[in-house]
Amino acid sequence: MDTNSAPRFAVIGTGSMAAAMMSTFDHASVRVVAVSSRDAARERQFASAFHIPTVGEKVESFLQSSEFDAVYIANASAEHGSTVIAALEAGKAVLCEKPLALSANEAERIADVARRTGKLCMEGIWIPILAAYRRFVELARTNACGKLTHLFADFGYPVNEKTLPRLFSPAAGGVLLDRGIYLVALALDVCILSRWSSR
């Protein structure tokens, strides 16, 4: 890919997900040219670690920059909705970590702004691109596994309030919007496909 024609990204948030995403950006030859965080020290450290030339602490003014075309949003879950809307209003395409929003009303507002601005707005849920997931959905489409009536899943490791406090935080959407969202997405995929296949 010609890196000069690739979209220029900014990153909002400097936590573990943002750090993990940097290798993906690098692998895809995506240019990350700016970063913003509420914590100035972490922002400078992140910029230094990933060779990002521009930093900006205040999101609202940061988003007005012409130095980037798109933003990857990985700040606190409670701030996703307002940050997505601000980015869209600033004319930026958006890739946002899940959850995109913490309520149906907030999601509807985001969808309205995306339609009005004509900018791409995408929630980053990675499991639908996994080969095993896609194969399972294919099988479900043809009822090869029988008629689906229940869905059970386990992440395979224990968690508690000390190790992962966000899973227990209502302000962050709790476990439903952090872990459960993957199962909701799977259930929706399977239900929608099952309806199509029965027509």
N, C-alpha and C. Protein backbone atom coordinates (compact mmCIF):
# COMPACT_ATOMS: atom_id res chain seq x y z
N MET A 1 0.84 -1.19 0.00
CA MET A 1 0.00 0.00 0.00
C MET A 1 0.88 1.25 0.00
N ASP A 2 0.51 2.26 -0.78
CA ASP A 2 1.22 3.53 -0.79
C ASP A 2 0.85 4.28 0.47
N THR A 3 1.82 4.44 1.37
CA THR A 3 1.51 5.08 2.65
C THR A 3 1.16 6.55 2.49
N ASN A 4 1.56 7.16 1.37
CA ASN A 4 1.20 8.56 1.16
C ASN A 4 -0.27 8.73 0.82
N SER A 5 -0.93 7.67 0.32
CA SER A 5 -2.35 7.77 -0.01
C SER A 5 -3.23 7.15 1.07
N ALA A 6 -2.61 6.51 2.06
CA ALA A 6 -3.39 5.88 3.13
C ALA A 6 -3.98 6.94 4.05
N PRO A 7 -5.14 6.66 4.63
CA PRO A 7 -5.71 7.61 5.59
C PRO A 7 -4.76 7.85 6.75
N ARG A 8 -4.72 9.08 7.20
CA ARG A 8 -3.90 9.43 8.35
C ARG A 8 -4.78 9.32 9.60
N PHE A 9 -4.34 8.51 10.54
CA PHE A 9 -5.13 8.26 11.74
C PHE A 9 -4.60 9.02 12.94
N ALA A 10 -5.51 9.35 13.85
CA ALA A 10 -5.17 9.81 15.19
C ALA A 10 -5.73 8.79 16.16
N VAL A 11 -5.10 8.66 17.29
CA VAL A 11 -5.55 7.75 18.34
C VAL A 11 -6.00 8.57 19.54
N ILE A 12 -7.18 8.27 20.04
CA ILE A 12 -7.68 8.92 21.26
C ILE A 12 -7.76 7.87 22.34
N GLY A 13 -6.91 8.01 23.36
CA GLY A 13 -6.80 7.01 24.41
C GLY A 13 -5.44 6.35 24.34
N THR A 14 -4.89 6.05 25.51
CA THR A 14 -3.53 5.49 25.54
C THR A 14 -3.44 4.24 26.43
N GLY A 15 -4.55 3.53 26.55
CA GLY A 15 -4.57 2.31 27.36
C GLY A 15 -4.05 1.11 26.60
N SER A 16 -4.31 -0.07 27.18
CA SER A 16 -3.77 -1.31 26.61
C SER A 16 -4.34 -1.62 25.22
N MET A 17 -5.62 -1.31 24.99
CA MET A 17 -6.20 -1.59 23.67
C MET A 17 -5.58 -0.70 22.60
N ALA A 18 -5.35 0.56 22.93
CA ALA A 18 -4.72 1.46 21.97
C ALA A 18 -3.31 0.98 21.65
N ALA A 19 -2.58 0.56 22.67
CA ALA A 19 -1.22 0.06 22.46
C ALA A 19 -1.23 -1.19 21.59
N ALA A 20 -2.17 -2.09 21.85
CA ALA A 20 -2.27 -3.32 21.06
C ALA A 20 -2.61 -3.01 19.61
N MET A 21 -3.43 -1.99 19.40
CA MET A 21 -3.86 -1.64 18.05
C MET A 21 -2.71 -1.07 17.21
N MET A 22 -1.72 -0.54 17.86
CA MET A 22 -0.62 0.08 17.11
C MET A 22 0.10 -0.94 16.21
N SER A 23 0.24 -2.18 16.67
CA SER A 23 0.89 -3.18 15.82
C SER A 23 0.03 -3.51 14.61
N THR A 24 -1.29 -3.46 14.79
CA THR A 24 -2.21 -3.69 13.67
C THR A 24 -2.08 -2.57 12.65
N PHE A 25 -2.06 -1.34 13.14
CA PHE A 25 -1.87 -0.20 12.23
C PHE A 25 -0.55 -0.35 11.47
N ASP A 26 0.49 -0.73 12.18
CA ASP A 26 1.80 -0.88 11.55
C ASP A 26 1.77 -1.97 10.48
N HIS A 27 1.13 -3.09 10.81
CA HIS A 27 1.03 -4.22 9.87
C HIS A 27 0.26 -3.82 8.61
N ALA A 28 -0.74 -2.95 8.78
CA ALA A 28 -1.57 -2.52 7.65
C ALA A 28 -1.02 -1.26 6.97
N SER A 29 0.16 -0.82 7.39
CA SER A 29 0.79 0.39 6.84
C SER A 29 -0.09 1.62 6.99
N VAL A 30 -0.81 1.68 8.11
CA VAL A 30 -1.63 2.86 8.41
C VAL A 30 -0.77 3.86 9.17
N ARG A 31 -0.81 5.09 8.72
CA ARG A 31 -0.02 6.15 9.38
C ARG A 31 -0.79 6.71 10.57
N VAL A 32 -0.22 6.59 11.75
CA VAL A 32 -0.78 7.22 12.94
C VAL A 32 0.05 8.47 13.20
N VAL A 33 -0.58 9.63 13.07
CA VAL A 33 0.17 10.88 13.10
C VAL A 33 -0.09 11.73 14.34
N ALA A 34 -1.07 11.31 15.17
CA ALA A 34 -1.39 12.11 16.35
C ALA A 34 -2.02 11.23 17.42
N VAL A 35 -1.89 11.66 18.66
CA VAL A 35 -2.49 10.95 19.79
C VAL A 35 -2.99 11.96 20.81
N SER A 36 -4.09 11.62 21.45
CA SER A 36 -4.66 12.48 22.48
C SER A 36 -5.05 11.63 23.69
N SER A 37 -4.79 12.17 24.88
CA SER A 37 -5.14 11.48 26.12
C SER A 37 -5.43 12.53 27.20
N ARG A 38 -6.26 12.15 28.16
CA ARG A 38 -6.52 13.05 29.30
C ARG A 38 -5.29 13.18 30.18
N ASP A 39 -4.43 12.17 30.13
CA ASP A 39 -3.22 12.15 30.95
C ASP A 39 -2.03 12.58 30.09
N ALA A 40 -1.52 13.77 30.34
CA ALA A 40 -0.46 14.33 29.50
C ALA A 40 0.81 13.48 29.53
N ALA A 41 1.14 12.94 30.69
CA ALA A 41 2.36 12.12 30.81
C ALA A 41 2.22 10.84 29.99
N ARG A 42 1.07 10.18 30.09
CA ARG A 42 0.84 8.95 29.31
C ARG A 42 0.80 9.27 27.82
N GLU A 43 0.24 10.40 27.48
CA GLU A 43 0.17 10.82 26.09
C GLU A 43 1.57 10.96 25.50
N ARG A 44 2.46 11.64 26.22
CA ARG A 44 3.83 11.83 25.74
C ARG A 44 4.57 10.49 25.67
N GLN A 45 4.34 9.64 26.65
CA GLN A 45 5.00 8.32 26.67
C GLN A 45 4.53 7.48 25.49
N PHE A 46 3.22 7.49 25.22
CA PHE A 46 2.65 6.74 24.10
C PHE A 46 3.21 7.26 22.78
N ALA A 47 3.25 8.57 22.64
CA ALA A 47 3.76 9.18 21.40
C ALA A 47 5.22 8.80 21.18
N SER A 48 5.98 8.80 22.25
CA SER A 48 7.40 8.44 22.14
C SER A 48 7.57 6.97 21.78
N ALA A 49 6.78 6.10 22.44
CA ALA A 49 6.91 4.66 22.22
C ALA A 49 6.57 4.27 20.79
N PHE A 50 5.60 4.97 20.20
CA PHE A 50 5.13 4.59 18.86
C PHE A 50 5.48 5.62 17.78
N HIS A 51 6.39 6.52 18.11
CA HIS A 51 6.92 7.49 17.14
C HIS A 51 5.80 8.30 16.48
N ILE A 52 4.91 8.83 17.31
CA ILE A 52 3.79 9.64 16.84
C ILE A 52 4.18 11.11 16.99
N PRO A 53 4.14 11.88 15.89
CA PRO A 53 4.68 13.25 15.95
C PRO A 53 3.85 14.29 16.69
N THR A 54 2.54 14.11 16.75
CA THR A 54 1.67 15.16 17.31
C THR A 54 0.90 14.66 18.51
N VAL A 55 0.83 15.48 19.55
CA VAL A 55 0.02 15.17 20.72
C VAL A 55 -0.95 16.31 20.96
N GLY A 56 -2.07 16.00 21.60
CA GLY A 56 -3.06 17.03 21.89
C GLY A 56 -3.95 16.60 23.03
N GLU A 57 -3.98 17.37 24.09
CA GLU A 57 -4.68 16.95 25.29
C GLU A 57 -6.19 17.15 25.23
N LYS A 58 -6.66 18.26 24.67
CA LYS A 58 -8.09 18.54 24.66
C LYS A 58 -8.71 17.99 23.39
N VAL A 59 -9.60 17.03 23.56
CA VAL A 59 -10.15 16.30 22.42
C VAL A 59 -10.85 17.23 21.44
N GLU A 60 -11.65 18.17 21.93
CA GLU A 60 -12.45 19.02 21.05
C GLU A 60 -11.57 19.80 20.08
N SER A 61 -10.52 20.45 20.59
CA SER A 61 -9.63 21.21 19.70
C SER A 61 -8.74 20.28 18.88
N PHE A 62 -8.36 19.16 19.48
CA PHE A 62 -7.55 18.16 18.80
C PHE A 62 -8.24 17.68 17.53
N LEU A 63 -9.55 17.46 17.60
CA LEU A 63 -10.30 16.93 16.47
C LEU A 63 -10.42 17.92 15.32
N GLN A 64 -10.16 19.17 15.56
CA GLN A 64 -10.25 20.18 14.50
C GLN A 64 -9.02 20.18 13.60
N SER A 65 -8.01 19.40 13.98
CA SER A 65 -6.76 19.37 13.21
C SER A 65 -6.99 18.83 11.80
N SER A 66 -6.25 19.40 10.85
CA SER A 66 -6.30 18.92 9.47
C SER A 66 -5.19 17.90 9.21
N GLU A 67 -4.46 17.53 10.26
CA GLU A 67 -3.33 16.62 10.09
C GLU A 67 -3.76 15.16 9.93
N PHE A 68 -5.01 14.84 10.29
CA PHE A 68 -5.47 13.46 10.17
C PHE A 68 -6.89 13.42 9.63
N ASP A 69 -7.22 12.25 9.04
CA ASP A 69 -8.51 12.07 8.37
C ASP A 69 -9.48 11.20 9.17
N ALA A 70 -8.92 10.36 10.05
CA ALA A 70 -9.73 9.38 10.77
C ALA A 70 -9.20 9.23 12.19
N VAL A 71 -10.08 8.77 13.08
CA VAL A 71 -9.66 8.57 14.47
C VAL A 71 -10.00 7.16 14.92
N TYR A 72 -9.09 6.62 15.72
CA TYR A 72 -9.35 5.37 16.42
C TYR A 72 -9.59 5.75 17.87
N ILE A 73 -10.78 5.43 18.37
CA ILE A 73 -11.18 5.85 19.71
C ILE A 73 -11.08 4.68 20.67
N ALA A 74 -10.23 4.85 21.68
CA ALA A 74 -10.01 3.78 22.66
C ALA A 74 -9.88 4.38 24.06
N ASN A 75 -10.63 5.45 24.31
CA ASN A 75 -10.62 6.04 25.64
C ASN A 75 -11.62 5.29 26.53
N ALA A 76 -11.97 5.85 27.66
CA ALA A 76 -12.90 5.18 28.58
C ALA A 76 -14.24 4.93 27.91
N SER A 77 -14.83 3.78 28.18
CA SER A 77 -16.10 3.40 27.53
C SER A 77 -17.18 4.45 27.72
N ALA A 78 -17.22 5.05 28.90
CA ALA A 78 -18.25 6.06 29.19
C ALA A 78 -18.10 7.29 28.29
N GLU A 79 -16.92 7.47 27.69
CA GLU A 79 -16.67 8.64 26.84
C GLU A 79 -16.77 8.31 25.35
N HIS A 80 -17.00 7.06 25.02
CA HIS A 80 -17.01 6.68 23.60
C HIS A 80 -18.06 7.46 22.81
N GLY A 81 -19.27 7.46 23.29
CA GLY A 81 -20.36 8.09 22.54
C GLY A 81 -20.10 9.55 22.23
N SER A 82 -19.75 10.33 23.24
CA SER A 82 -19.52 11.76 23.04
C SER A 82 -18.29 12.00 22.16
N THR A 83 -17.27 11.16 22.30
CA THR A 83 -16.07 11.33 21.48
C THR A 83 -16.36 10.99 20.03
N VAL A 84 -17.12 9.92 19.79
CA VAL A 84 -17.50 9.54 18.42
C VAL A 84 -18.27 10.68 17.76
N ILE A 85 -19.25 11.22 18.47
CA ILE A 85 -20.06 12.30 17.91
C ILE A 85 -19.19 13.52 17.59
N ALA A 86 -18.31 13.87 18.52
CA ALA A 86 -17.42 15.02 18.30
C ALA A 86 -16.52 14.79 17.08
N ALA A 87 -16.02 13.57 16.92
CA ALA A 87 -15.15 13.26 15.79
C ALA A 87 -15.92 13.34 14.47
N LEU A 88 -17.11 12.78 14.44
CA LEU A 88 -17.93 12.84 13.23
C LEU A 88 -18.27 14.28 12.88
N GLU A 89 -18.64 15.07 13.88
CA GLU A 89 -18.96 16.48 13.65
C GLU A 89 -17.75 17.24 13.13
N ALA A 90 -16.55 16.78 13.50
CA ALA A 90 -15.33 17.43 13.03
C ALA A 90 -14.92 16.94 11.65
N GLY A 91 -15.72 16.05 11.07
CA GLY A 91 -15.45 15.59 9.71
C GLY A 91 -14.48 14.43 9.62
N LYS A 92 -14.32 13.69 10.73
CA LYS A 92 -13.39 12.56 10.74
C LYS A 92 -14.15 11.24 10.61
N ALA A 93 -13.55 10.29 9.90
CA ALA A 93 -14.06 8.92 9.92
C ALA A 93 -13.68 8.32 11.27
N VAL A 94 -14.48 7.35 11.74
CA VAL A 94 -14.30 6.84 13.09
C VAL A 94 -14.24 5.32 13.13
N LEU A 95 -13.24 4.81 13.85
CA LEU A 95 -13.19 3.42 14.27
C LEU A 95 -13.14 3.46 15.79
N CYS A 96 -14.18 2.94 16.44
CA CYS A 96 -14.29 3.03 17.89
C CYS A 96 -14.28 1.65 18.52
N GLU A 97 -13.50 1.52 19.58
CA GLU A 97 -13.54 0.29 20.36
C GLU A 97 -14.95 0.05 20.88
N LYS A 98 -15.30 -1.20 21.08
CA LYS A 98 -16.59 -1.47 21.69
C LYS A 98 -16.52 -1.13 23.18
N PRO A 99 -17.65 -0.71 23.76
CA PRO A 99 -18.93 -0.46 23.10
C PRO A 99 -18.95 0.91 22.43
N LEU A 100 -19.60 0.97 21.29
CA LEU A 100 -19.74 2.23 20.58
C LEU A 100 -20.53 3.23 21.40
N ALA A 101 -21.53 2.71 22.11
CA ALA A 101 -22.40 3.55 22.93
C ALA A 101 -22.85 2.76 24.15
N LEU A 102 -23.36 3.46 25.14
CA LEU A 102 -23.80 2.79 26.37
C LEU A 102 -25.31 2.68 26.47
N SER A 103 -26.02 3.17 25.46
CA SER A 103 -27.49 3.05 25.46
C SER A 103 -27.98 3.08 24.03
N ALA A 104 -29.20 2.61 23.84
CA ALA A 104 -29.80 2.64 22.51
C ALA A 104 -29.97 4.07 22.02
N ASN A 105 -30.35 4.98 22.92
CA ASN A 105 -30.53 6.38 22.53
C ASN A 105 -29.22 6.99 22.06
N GLU A 106 -28.13 6.68 22.77
CA GLU A 106 -26.83 7.20 22.37
C GLU A 106 -26.41 6.63 21.02
N ALA A 107 -26.66 5.35 20.81
CA ALA A 107 -26.33 4.72 19.53
C ALA A 107 -27.12 5.35 18.39
N GLU A 108 -28.38 5.65 18.64
CA GLU A 108 -29.22 6.30 17.62
C GLU A 108 -28.70 7.69 17.28
N ARG A 109 -28.26 8.42 18.31
CA ARG A 109 -27.69 9.75 18.07
C ARG A 109 -26.44 9.65 17.20
N ILE A 110 -25.60 8.67 17.50
CA ILE A 110 -24.38 8.46 16.71
C ILE A 110 -24.74 8.15 15.26
N ALA A 111 -25.71 7.25 15.07
CA ALA A 111 -26.12 6.88 13.71
C ALA A 111 -26.66 8.09 12.96
N ASP A 112 -27.43 8.94 13.64
CA ASP A 112 -27.97 10.14 13.00
C ASP A 112 -26.85 11.08 12.55
N VAL A 113 -25.85 11.26 13.42
CA VAL A 113 -24.74 12.16 13.09
C VAL A 113 -23.91 11.58 11.94
N ALA A 114 -23.68 10.27 11.97
CA ALA A 114 -22.92 9.63 10.89
C ALA A 114 -23.63 9.80 9.56
N ARG A 115 -24.96 9.61 9.56
CA ARG A 115 -25.72 9.79 8.31
C ARG A 115 -25.65 11.24 7.84
N ARG A 116 -25.82 12.16 8.77
CA ARG A 116 -25.83 13.58 8.40
C ARG A 116 -24.47 14.04 7.88
N THR A 117 -23.41 13.59 8.50
CA THR A 117 -22.06 14.03 8.09
C THR A 117 -21.52 13.21 6.92
N GLY A 118 -22.11 12.03 6.70
CA GLY A 118 -21.64 11.18 5.62
C GLY A 118 -20.30 10.54 5.89
N LYS A 119 -19.93 10.44 7.17
CA LYS A 119 -18.63 9.88 7.55
C LYS A 119 -18.78 8.44 8.04
N LEU A 120 -17.77 7.63 7.71
CA LEU A 120 -17.74 6.25 8.17
C LEU A 120 -17.68 6.21 9.69
N CYS A 121 -18.51 5.37 10.28
CA CYS A 121 -18.48 5.17 11.73
C CYS A 121 -18.58 3.67 11.97
N MET A 122 -17.57 3.12 12.61
CA MET A 122 -17.46 1.66 12.73
C MET A 122 -17.06 1.27 14.14
N GLU A 123 -17.72 0.25 14.66
CA GLU A 123 -17.38 -0.28 15.97
C GLU A 123 -16.38 -1.42 15.81
N GLY A 124 -15.34 -1.40 16.62
CA GLY A 124 -14.29 -2.40 16.51
C GLY A 124 -14.56 -3.66 17.30
N ILE A 125 -15.30 -4.59 16.71
CA ILE A 125 -15.51 -5.91 17.32
C ILE A 125 -14.77 -6.91 16.43
N TRP A 126 -13.75 -7.54 16.98
CA TRP A 126 -12.84 -8.32 16.16
C TRP A 126 -13.29 -9.76 15.88
N ILE A 127 -14.14 -10.34 16.71
CA ILE A 127 -14.41 -11.77 16.53
C ILE A 127 -15.10 -12.13 15.21
N PRO A 128 -15.91 -11.25 14.60
CA PRO A 128 -16.55 -11.66 13.34
C PRO A 128 -15.59 -11.97 12.21
N ILE A 129 -14.32 -11.55 12.33
CA ILE A 129 -13.38 -11.87 11.25
C ILE A 129 -12.58 -13.14 11.54
N LEU A 130 -12.78 -13.74 12.71
CA LEU A 130 -12.08 -14.99 13.00
C LEU A 130 -12.61 -16.12 12.12
N ALA A 131 -11.72 -16.98 11.66
CA ALA A 131 -12.11 -18.07 10.77
C ALA A 131 -13.13 -19.00 11.42
N ALA A 132 -12.92 -19.34 12.69
CA ALA A 132 -13.83 -20.25 13.39
C ALA A 132 -15.22 -19.63 13.53
N TYR A 133 -15.26 -18.35 13.83
CA TYR A 133 -16.54 -17.63 13.95
C TYR A 133 -17.27 -17.65 12.61
N ARG A 134 -16.57 -17.32 11.55
CA ARG A 134 -17.20 -17.26 10.24
C ARG A 134 -17.70 -18.64 9.80
N ARG A 135 -16.93 -19.67 10.13
CA ARG A 135 -17.35 -21.02 9.78
C ARG A 135 -18.60 -21.41 10.56
N PHE A 136 -18.64 -21.06 11.84
CA PHE A 136 -19.81 -21.37 12.64
C PHE A 136 -21.05 -20.68 12.08
N VAL A 137 -20.91 -19.42 11.68
CA VAL A 137 -22.05 -18.69 11.13
C VAL A 137 -22.50 -19.34 9.81
N GLU A 138 -21.55 -19.79 9.00
CA GLU A 138 -21.91 -20.50 7.77
C GLU A 138 -22.73 -21.75 8.08
N LEU A 139 -22.29 -22.51 9.09
CA LEU A 139 -23.01 -23.73 9.48
C LEU A 139 -24.40 -23.39 10.01
N ALA A 140 -24.47 -22.31 10.78
CA ALA A 140 -25.77 -21.91 11.33
C ALA A 140 -26.72 -21.48 10.23
N ARG A 141 -26.17 -20.89 9.19
CA ARG A 141 -27.00 -20.42 8.07
C ARG A 141 -27.75 -21.58 7.41
N THR A 142 -27.12 -22.74 7.37
CA THR A 142 -27.74 -23.90 6.71
C THR A 142 -28.35 -24.88 7.71
N ASN A 143 -28.37 -24.48 8.99
CA ASN A 143 -28.87 -25.37 10.06
C ASN A 143 -28.10 -26.69 10.11
N ALA A 144 -26.82 -26.65 9.72
CA ALA A 144 -26.01 -27.86 9.72
C ALA A 144 -25.78 -28.40 11.13
N CYS A 145 -25.91 -27.54 12.11
CA CYS A 145 -25.73 -27.96 13.51
C CYS A 145 -27.08 -28.19 14.20
N GLY A 146 -28.14 -28.19 13.41
CA GLY A 146 -29.47 -28.30 14.00
C GLY A 146 -30.03 -26.91 14.28
N LYS A 147 -31.21 -26.88 14.82
CA LYS A 147 -31.85 -25.61 15.11
C LYS A 147 -31.27 -25.04 16.39
N LEU A 148 -30.76 -23.82 16.29
CA LEU A 148 -30.14 -23.18 17.45
C LEU A 148 -31.22 -22.67 18.40
N THR A 149 -31.13 -23.08 19.65
CA THR A 149 -32.10 -22.62 20.66
C THR A 149 -31.44 -21.94 21.84
N HIS A 150 -30.17 -22.24 22.09
CA HIS A 150 -29.45 -21.64 23.22
C HIS A 150 -28.03 -21.28 22.80
N LEU A 151 -27.49 -20.29 23.46
CA LEU A 151 -26.12 -19.88 23.22
C LEU A 151 -25.39 -19.80 24.56
N PHE A 152 -24.29 -20.54 24.67
CA PHE A 152 -23.49 -20.51 25.89
C PHE A 152 -22.03 -20.32 25.50
N ALA A 153 -21.34 -19.46 26.21
CA ALA A 153 -19.92 -19.24 25.91
C ALA A 153 -19.18 -18.93 27.20
N ASP A 154 -17.90 -19.18 27.18
CA ASP A 154 -17.06 -18.94 28.35
C ASP A 154 -15.72 -18.42 27.85
N PHE A 155 -15.23 -17.35 28.45
CA PHE A 155 -13.95 -16.78 28.03
C PHE A 155 -12.77 -17.60 28.52
N GLY A 156 -13.01 -18.52 29.41
CA GLY A 156 -11.97 -19.48 29.78
C GLY A 156 -10.98 -19.01 30.82
N TYR A 157 -11.24 -17.89 31.45
CA TYR A 157 -10.36 -17.45 32.52
C TYR A 157 -11.17 -16.67 33.55
N PRO A 158 -10.79 -16.78 34.82
CA PRO A 158 -11.56 -16.11 35.87
C PRO A 158 -11.24 -14.62 35.94
N VAL A 159 -12.22 -13.83 36.31
CA VAL A 159 -12.01 -12.40 36.53
C VAL A 159 -12.67 -12.01 37.84
N ASN A 160 -12.21 -10.91 38.40
CA ASN A 160 -12.85 -10.37 39.59
C ASN A 160 -12.72 -8.85 39.56
N GLU A 161 -13.32 -8.20 40.52
CA GLU A 161 -13.37 -6.74 40.53
C GLU A 161 -11.98 -6.11 40.64
N LYS A 162 -11.06 -6.85 41.23
CA LYS A 162 -9.70 -6.31 41.38
C LYS A 162 -8.91 -6.41 40.08
N THR A 163 -9.03 -7.53 39.37
CA THR A 163 -8.23 -7.72 38.16
C THR A 163 -8.82 -6.98 36.96
N LEU A 164 -10.15 -6.90 36.88
CA LEU A 164 -10.79 -6.19 35.75
C LEU A 164 -11.96 -5.35 36.28
N PRO A 165 -11.66 -4.23 36.92
CA PRO A 165 -12.73 -3.43 37.54
C PRO A 165 -13.77 -2.91 36.56
N ARG A 166 -13.39 -2.70 35.29
CA ARG A 166 -14.36 -2.15 34.34
C ARG A 166 -15.54 -3.10 34.10
N LEU A 167 -15.31 -4.40 34.29
CA LEU A 167 -16.41 -5.35 34.09
C LEU A 167 -17.50 -5.18 35.14
N PHE A 168 -17.16 -4.53 36.24
CA PHE A 168 -18.11 -4.37 37.34
C PHE A 168 -18.56 -2.92 37.48
N SER A 169 -18.22 -2.09 36.49
CA SER A 169 -18.54 -0.67 36.55
C SER A 169 -19.75 -0.33 35.69
N PRO A 170 -20.87 0.07 36.31
CA PRO A 170 -22.04 0.47 35.52
C PRO A 170 -21.73 1.63 34.58
N ALA A 171 -20.85 2.55 35.01
CA ALA A 171 -20.51 3.70 34.18
C ALA A 171 -19.80 3.29 32.90
N ALA A 172 -19.12 2.13 32.93
CA ALA A 172 -18.41 1.65 31.75
C ALA A 172 -19.23 0.64 30.95
N GLY A 173 -20.45 0.38 31.38
CA GLY A 173 -21.30 -0.57 30.67
C GLY A 173 -21.26 -1.96 31.26
N GLY A 174 -20.36 -2.18 32.22
CA GLY A 174 -20.30 -3.47 32.90
C GLY A 174 -19.94 -4.62 31.98
N VAL A 175 -20.15 -5.81 32.48
CA VAL A 175 -19.75 -7.01 31.75
C VAL A 175 -20.56 -7.21 30.46
N LEU A 176 -21.80 -6.73 30.44
CA LEU A 176 -22.63 -6.93 29.25
C LEU A 176 -22.03 -6.24 28.02
N LEU A 177 -21.59 -4.98 28.20
CA LEU A 177 -21.08 -4.25 27.05
C LEU A 177 -19.58 -4.45 26.83
N ASP A 178 -18.91 -5.12 27.77
CA ASP A 178 -17.48 -5.36 27.60
C ASP A 178 -17.22 -6.77 27.10
N ARG A 179 -17.83 -7.76 27.71
CA ARG A 179 -17.66 -9.15 27.30
C ARG A 179 -18.91 -9.69 26.61
N GLY A 180 -20.05 -9.40 27.18
CA GLY A 180 -21.30 -9.93 26.64
C GLY A 180 -21.61 -9.46 25.24
N ILE A 181 -21.03 -8.33 24.85
CA ILE A 181 -21.30 -7.78 23.52
C ILE A 181 -20.89 -8.76 22.41
N TYR A 182 -19.86 -9.56 22.67
CA TYR A 182 -19.44 -10.54 21.67
C TYR A 182 -20.52 -11.60 21.46
N LEU A 183 -21.16 -12.00 22.55
CA LEU A 183 -22.21 -13.01 22.45
C LEU A 183 -23.47 -12.42 21.82
N VAL A 184 -23.76 -11.16 22.16
CA VAL A 184 -24.90 -10.49 21.54
C VAL A 184 -24.69 -10.39 20.03
N ALA A 185 -23.47 -10.03 19.63
CA ALA A 185 -23.17 -9.93 18.19
C ALA A 185 -23.32 -11.29 17.51
N LEU A 186 -22.83 -12.33 18.16
CA LEU A 186 -22.96 -13.67 17.60
C LEU A 186 -24.42 -14.08 17.49
N ALA A 187 -25.18 -13.84 18.55
CA ALA A 187 -26.60 -14.20 18.54
C ALA A 187 -27.34 -13.47 17.42
N LEU A 188 -27.02 -12.19 17.24
CA LEU A 188 -27.67 -11.42 16.18
C LEU A 188 -27.29 -11.96 14.81
N ASP A 189 -26.01 -12.27 14.61
CA ASP A 189 -25.57 -12.84 13.34
C ASP A 189 -26.31 -14.13 13.02
N VAL A 190 -26.38 -15.01 14.00
CA VAL A 190 -27.00 -16.31 13.79
C VAL A 190 -28.50 -16.16 13.58
N CYS A 191 -29.15 -15.31 14.36
CA CYS A 191 -30.60 -15.12 14.21
C CYS A 191 -30.95 -14.52 12.87
N ILE A 192 -30.19 -13.51 12.45
CA ILE A 192 -30.45 -12.86 11.17
C ILE A 192 -30.24 -13.85 10.03
N LEU A 193 -29.15 -14.59 10.08
CA LEU A 193 -28.87 -15.57 9.02
C LEU A 193 -29.91 -16.67 9.00
N SER A 194 -30.35 -17.10 10.19
CA SER A 194 -31.37 -18.13 10.25
C SER A 194 -32.67 -17.65 9.62
N ARG A 195 -33.01 -16.40 9.84
CA ARG A 195 -34.23 -15.86 9.24
C ARG A 195 -34.10 -15.84 7.71
N TRP A 196 -32.90 -15.40 7.23
CA TRP A 196 -32.70 -15.38 5.77
C TRP A 196 -32.81 -16.77 5.17
N SER A 197 -32.20 -17.73 5.84
CA SER A 197 -32.17 -19.07 5.26
C SER A 197 -33.54 -19.74 5.27
N SER A 198 -34.46 -19.23 6.13
CA SER A 198 -35.77 -19.85 6.22
C SER A 198 -36.75 -19.22 5.23
N ARG A 199 -36.31 -18.18 4.52
CA ARG A 199 -37.22 -17.53 3.59
C ARG A 199 -37.35 -18.31 2.29
